[in-house]
Protein backbone atom coordinates (compact mmCIF):
# COMPACT_ATOMS: atom_id res chain seq x y z
CA GLN A 1 32.90 -106.80 -47.16
CA VAL A 2 32.80 -110.25 -45.59
CA HIS A 3 31.65 -110.75 -42.00
CA PRO A 4 32.11 -114.19 -40.44
CA VAL A 5 30.09 -115.11 -37.34
CA GLU A 6 31.01 -118.29 -35.45
CA SER A 7 28.99 -120.47 -33.10
CA GLY A 8 29.12 -123.94 -31.62
CA GLY A 9 31.97 -123.85 -29.15
CA GLY A 10 31.73 -125.34 -25.68
CA SER A 11 33.24 -127.76 -23.22
CA VAL A 12 33.74 -131.45 -23.89
CA GLN A 13 35.74 -134.33 -22.48
CA ALA A 14 38.72 -135.72 -24.31
CA GLY A 15 37.62 -138.07 -27.07
CA GLY A 16 34.40 -136.16 -27.62
CA SER A 17 33.18 -134.13 -30.58
CA LEU A 18 32.04 -130.62 -31.34
CA ARG A 19 30.86 -128.91 -34.50
CA LEU A 20 31.57 -125.26 -35.13
CA SER A 21 29.57 -123.19 -37.59
CA CYS A 22 30.44 -119.96 -39.32
CA VAL A 23 27.94 -117.88 -41.24
CA ILE A 24 29.79 -115.84 -43.84
CA SER A 25 27.96 -112.80 -45.18
CA GLY A 26 29.39 -111.75 -48.50
CA ALA A 27 31.45 -113.62 -51.06
CA ALA A 28 34.65 -115.30 -49.92
CA HIS A 29 37.07 -117.18 -52.14
CA CYS A 30 39.31 -118.49 -49.39
CA MET A 31 38.05 -119.35 -45.92
CA ALA A 32 39.78 -120.74 -42.89
CA TRP A 33 39.52 -121.81 -39.31
CA PHE A 34 42.24 -120.61 -36.96
CA ARG A 35 42.75 -121.20 -33.26
CA GLN A 36 44.62 -119.45 -30.53
CA ALA A 37 45.39 -121.00 -27.17
CA SER A 38 46.13 -118.84 -24.19
CA GLY A 39 49.61 -117.35 -24.47
CA GLN A 40 50.24 -118.80 -27.90
CA GLU A 41 50.30 -117.55 -31.46
CA ARG A 42 47.24 -117.86 -33.67
CA GLU A 43 47.58 -120.89 -35.91
CA GLY A 44 45.77 -122.11 -38.98
CA VAL A 45 43.65 -125.23 -38.54
CA VAL A 46 42.22 -125.65 -42.05
CA THR A 47 41.78 -123.63 -45.20
CA MET A 48 39.05 -124.13 -47.76
CA ASN A 49 39.29 -122.63 -51.22
CA ALA A 50 36.38 -121.89 -53.54
CA ASP A 51 37.47 -124.81 -55.73
CA GLY A 52 36.58 -127.11 -52.84
CA SER A 53 40.14 -128.00 -51.93
CA THR A 54 41.12 -128.08 -48.27
CA ASN A 55 44.37 -128.09 -46.36
CA TYR A 56 44.59 -129.24 -42.76
CA ALA A 57 47.23 -128.62 -40.14
CA ASP A 58 49.11 -131.79 -39.27
CA ALA A 59 47.86 -131.62 -35.68
CA VAL A 60 44.23 -132.09 -36.74
CA LYS A 61 44.47 -134.31 -39.82
CA GLY A 62 42.19 -137.31 -39.56
CA ARG A 63 40.22 -135.77 -36.67
CA PHE A 64 38.80 -132.50 -38.01
CA THR A 65 36.68 -132.08 -41.14
CA SER A 66 35.69 -128.80 -42.74
CA SER A 67 32.74 -128.48 -45.07
CA LEU A 68 30.80 -125.72 -46.76
CA ASP A 69 27.08 -125.36 -47.27
CA ASN A 70 27.16 -123.21 -50.37
CA GLY A 71 23.47 -122.51 -50.37
CA GLN A 72 23.48 -121.15 -46.83
CA ASN A 73 27.04 -119.81 -46.97
CA ILE A 74 27.92 -121.66 -43.77
CA LEU A 75 31.36 -123.06 -43.10
CA TYR A 76 31.49 -125.97 -40.67
CA LEU A 77 34.29 -127.52 -38.66
CA GLN A 78 33.53 -131.00 -37.35
CA MET A 79 35.98 -131.85 -34.59
CA ASP A 80 36.20 -135.48 -33.48
CA ASN A 81 38.45 -137.29 -31.01
CA LEU A 82 39.21 -134.00 -29.31
CA ARG A 83 42.30 -133.70 -27.15
CA SER A 84 43.17 -131.32 -24.34
CA GLU A 85 45.68 -129.59 -26.64
CA ASP A 86 42.79 -128.63 -28.94
CA SER A 87 41.51 -126.24 -26.28
CA ALA A 88 41.61 -122.73 -27.73
CA MET A 89 39.59 -119.86 -29.07
CA TYR A 90 38.56 -120.80 -32.59
CA PHE A 91 38.17 -118.14 -35.25
CA CYS A 92 36.53 -118.29 -38.64
CA ALA A 93 38.12 -116.04 -41.23
CA ALA A 94 37.77 -115.07 -44.87
CA HIS A 95 40.70 -113.84 -46.92
CA ILE A 96 40.12 -110.37 -48.34
CA ALA A 97 41.56 -111.24 -51.76
CA SER A 98 39.16 -112.60 -54.34
CA PRO A 99 39.79 -114.55 -56.41
CA LEU A 100 42.66 -116.37 -54.74
CA SER A 101 44.33 -119.48 -56.11
CA ALA A 102 44.24 -122.64 -54.05
CA SER A 103 47.99 -122.61 -53.53
CA LEU A 104 47.96 -119.04 -52.22
CA CYS A 105 44.90 -119.76 -50.09
CA HIS A 106 46.40 -122.82 -48.46
CA GLY A 107 49.72 -121.06 -47.97
CA ALA A 108 48.22 -117.96 -46.40
CA THR A 109 47.96 -119.52 -42.94
CA LYS A 110 51.59 -120.64 -42.79
CA PRO A 111 53.65 -118.58 -40.32
CA ARG A 112 55.86 -117.07 -43.00
CA PHE A 113 52.90 -115.88 -45.09
CA PHE A 114 50.33 -115.18 -42.39
CA PHE A 115 49.21 -111.55 -42.17
CA PRO A 116 46.16 -111.06 -39.94
CA SER A 117 45.20 -107.85 -41.73
CA LEU A 118 44.56 -109.82 -44.94
CA TRP A 119 41.70 -111.70 -43.27
CA SER A 120 38.23 -110.71 -42.11
CA TRP A 121 37.71 -112.21 -38.66
CA GLY A 122 34.82 -113.51 -36.66
CA GLN A 123 34.61 -112.84 -32.93
CA GLY A 124 35.76 -116.34 -31.99
CA THR A 125 34.21 -119.21 -30.07
CA GLN A 126 35.84 -121.00 -27.14
CA VAL A 127 36.52 -124.73 -27.21
CA THR A 128 37.60 -126.39 -23.97
CA VAL A 129 38.59 -130.04 -23.83
CA SER A 130 39.07 -131.63 -20.43
CA SER A 131 41.15 -134.75 -19.95
């Protein structure tokens, strides 16, 4: 069973940067970062498949970069040019299905195909961006 553990959240001013880390114990074929702002639905930020492909939400394209340290099994989320609307609890997650094709992985965070019970979740880390 996969257990993600996030770290790296904090407070930053608009335009600043933060890097989140997620240590994933166990093998995961499809990993993702989600976020949930107060009073809003959880939304997918980026998915990363074992083939190295990634898929970013439109709201973060060009500002956020996800990478994987395979040797350490650590998933990173580099967040640059942060905006106040990026403030949220950020969750690292690993899909329970393995293997999982890239298309299914990248589609699994879309509202129509998102089922929280199909993911193993970290505890979350808070990101607050002040304007």
